[in-house]
Protein backbone atom coordinates (compact mmCIF):
# COMPACT_ATOMS: atom_id res chain seq x y z
CA UNK A 1 -0.16 -0.07 -0.07
CA UNK A 2 1.13 3.47 -0.66
CA UNK A 3 0.48 6.22 0.74
CA UNK A 4 1.07 9.66 -1.09
CA UNK A 5 0.52 13.50 -0.67
CA UNK A 6 0.17 15.42 -3.68
CA UNK A 7 -1.23 18.41 -5.78
CA UNK A 8 -0.15 21.39 -4.57
CA UNK A 9 -3.73 23.54 -5.40
CA UNK A 10 -3.01 24.55 -8.83
CA UNK A 11 -6.38 23.93 -10.03
CA UNK A 12 -8.68 27.09 -10.03
CA UNK A 13 -11.75 28.09 -8.71
CA UNK A 14 -14.00 29.59 -6.24
CA UNK A 15 -15.36 26.43 -5.27
CA UNK A 16 -12.38 25.20 -2.27
CA UNK A 17 -12.96 21.78 -0.76
CA UNK A 18 -12.78 21.33 3.25
CA UNK A 19 -12.54 17.41 3.63
CA UNK A 20 -14.04 15.30 1.48
CA UNK A 21 -13.09 11.23 0.64
CA UNK A 22 -13.59 9.38 -2.56
CA UNK A 23 -12.97 5.81 -3.38
CA UNK A 24 -12.36 3.67 -6.66
CA UNK A 25 -11.46 0.77 -8.24
CA UNK A 26 -9.49 -0.27 -12.07
CA UNK A 27 -8.44 -3.54 -13.28
CA UNK A 28 -5.28 -4.63 -14.37
CA UNK A 29 -4.72 -6.25 -17.89
CA UNK A 30 -3.03 -9.69 -19.45
CA UNK A 31 -2.20 -7.36 -22.70
CA UNK A 32 -4.44 -6.84 -25.74
CA UNK A 33 -7.01 -9.02 -27.31
CA UNK A 34 -7.70 -6.70 -30.45
CA UNK A 35 -6.12 -3.43 -31.83
CA UNK A 36 -6.51 -1.29 -35.11
CA UNK A 37 -8.64 1.45 -36.34
CA UNK A 38 -12.42 1.26 -37.71
CA UNK A 39 -13.55 4.26 -39.77
CA UNK A 40 -10.82 6.02 -38.65
CA UNK A 41 -11.34 5.57 -35.01
CA UNK A 42 -8.74 4.27 -33.09
CA UNK A 43 -9.62 1.15 -30.76
CA UNK A 44 -7.86 -1.62 -28.51
CA UNK A 45 -10.24 -4.63 -27.01
CA UNK A 46 -8.23 -5.23 -23.78
CA UNK A 47 -8.08 -8.53 -21.57
CA UNK A 48 -9.01 -7.43 -18.11
CA UNK A 49 -7.95 -9.78 -15.15
CA UNK A 50 -9.48 -9.86 -11.72
CA UNK A 51 -6.59 -7.27 -9.58
CA UNK A 52 -7.20 -4.21 -8.91
CA UNK A 53 -5.78 -1.03 -8.27
CA UNK A 54 -7.78 0.28 -5.51
CA UNK A 55 -7.68 4.14 -4.82
CA UNK A 56 -8.65 6.36 -2.09
CA UNK A 57 -8.31 10.33 -2.03
CA UNK A 58 -9.22 12.67 0.68
CA UNK A 59 -9.23 16.07 -0.26
CA UNK A 60 -8.48 19.09 2.33
CA UNK A 61 -8.19 23.14 2.50
CA UNK A 62 -5.34 22.59 4.86
CA UNK A 63 -2.35 20.74 4.89
CA UNK A 64 0.97 20.43 3.60
CA UNK A 65 1.42 18.64 -0.33
CA UNK A 66 4.64 16.27 -1.66
CA UNK A 67 4.45 14.78 -5.21
CA UNK A 68 5.19 11.19 -5.33
CA UNK A 69 3.79 8.69 -7.67
CA UNK A 70 4.33 10.95 -10.45
CA UNK A 71 1.53 8.90 -12.87
CA UNK A 72 -1.05 9.45 -10.49
CA UNK A 73 0.16 13.00 -8.53
CA UNK A 74 -0.70 14.02 -12.15
CA UNK A 75 -3.99 12.29 -13.06
CA UNK A 76 -5.21 13.42 -9.69
CA UNK A 77 -4.30 17.26 -10.52
CA UNK A 78 -5.80 16.87 -14.02
CA UNK A 79 -8.86 16.00 -12.75
CA UNK A 80 -9.19 18.47 -9.93
CA UNK A 81 -8.46 21.15 -12.91
CA UNK A 82 -10.98 19.29 -15.02
CA UNK A 83 -13.62 19.48 -12.23
CA UNK A 84 -12.95 23.08 -11.66
CA UNK A 85 -12.02 22.60 -7.77
CA UNK A 86 -9.00 23.68 -5.87
CA UNK A 87 -7.50 21.41 -3.08
CA UNK A 88 -4.68 23.02 -0.75
CA UNK A 89 -4.15 18.72 0.48
CA UNK A 90 -4.43 15.64 -1.08
CA UNK A 91 -4.02 12.18 0.39
CA UNK A 92 -4.07 9.25 -1.72
CA UNK A 93 -3.66 5.83 -0.82
CA UNK A 94 -3.00 3.08 -3.32
CA UNK A 95 -3.05 -0.76 -2.79
CA UNK A 96 -2.24 -3.05 -5.62
CA UNK A 97 -1.31 -6.51 -6.23
CA UNK A 98 -0.90 -5.34 -9.88
CA UNK A 99 2.79 -6.13 -10.70
CA UNK A 100 4.87 -2.64 -12.38
CA UNK A 101 6.60 -2.98 -15.61
CA UNK A 102 4.82 -6.21 -16.54
CA UNK A 103 2.35 -5.66 -19.12
CA UNK A 104 -0.12 -5.68 -16.77
CA UNK A 105 -1.76 -2.08 -17.19
CA UNK A 106 -0.63 -1.53 -13.37
CA UNK A 107 0.12 2.59 -14.29
CA UNK A 108 -3.45 2.84 -16.24
CA UNK A 109 -5.44 0.87 -13.57
CA UNK A 110 -3.92 3.57 -10.55
CA UNK A 111 -4.39 6.43 -13.24
CA UNK A 112 -7.77 5.00 -14.35
CA UNK A 113 -9.11 4.34 -10.12
CA UNK A 114 -7.04 7.98 -9.37
CA UNK A 115 -9.40 10.18 -11.79
CA UNK A 116 -12.32 8.57 -10.39
CA UNK A 117 -11.46 8.38 -6.51
CA UNK A 118 -10.40 12.04 -7.50
CA UNK A 119 -13.96 13.07 -8.87
CA UNK A 120 -16.17 11.17 -6.37
CA UNK A 121 -14.64 12.97 -3.22
CA UNK A 122 -15.85 16.02 -4.89
CA UNK A 123 -19.10 14.41 -5.04
CA UNK A 124 -18.65 14.06 -8.66
CA UNK A 125 -18.77 11.25 -11.31
CA UNK A 126 -16.18 10.88 -14.30
CA UNK A 127 -17.39 8.94 -17.06
CA UNK A 128 -15.18 6.63 -18.71
CA UNK A 129 -14.94 8.68 -21.87
CA UNK A 130 -13.52 11.19 -20.07
CA UNK A 131 -11.05 9.21 -18.07
CA UNK A 132 -9.68 8.50 -21.32
CA UNK A 133 -9.69 11.26 -22.86
C-alpha cells in the first residue's frame, strides 16, 4: 500500500473543498485481444484480470503537499483542474497487487482509479470517455 501526499492546489476555482473522501478501483489487464482502426477511429479491446488497483483520495483545504507517484499525482491534478476544484492538501492511498513494469496495465489502472476517486471526493462522477481522454 502506498500513501501519497500530492497536488499543490494548482487547480483554480472559487470552490475550495474542506474535507472529502472518494474511493475507486480499476482492473489490470493481461494484454490486448484486438487493437486497430475502424472507419478512422482507433480501438483497443483489453483482457482484464481480477487484480485491481484501489485508490482512496482525501481532499482538504489545509495541510502540506509532496509529490511521489508521478503519474497518479498528475492524474489527480488534471482531474481537479477538469472538475474546477481547488484543494490545498490531497492525500492518496493506493493498494494494488498488480506488478509494475510487467505489461499488466498497473499504471493505467492506478490512473483510472485515481481520476474516479478524485471525482468522487468532489461529490462527482467522471464518465469512462473523460477518464480515457
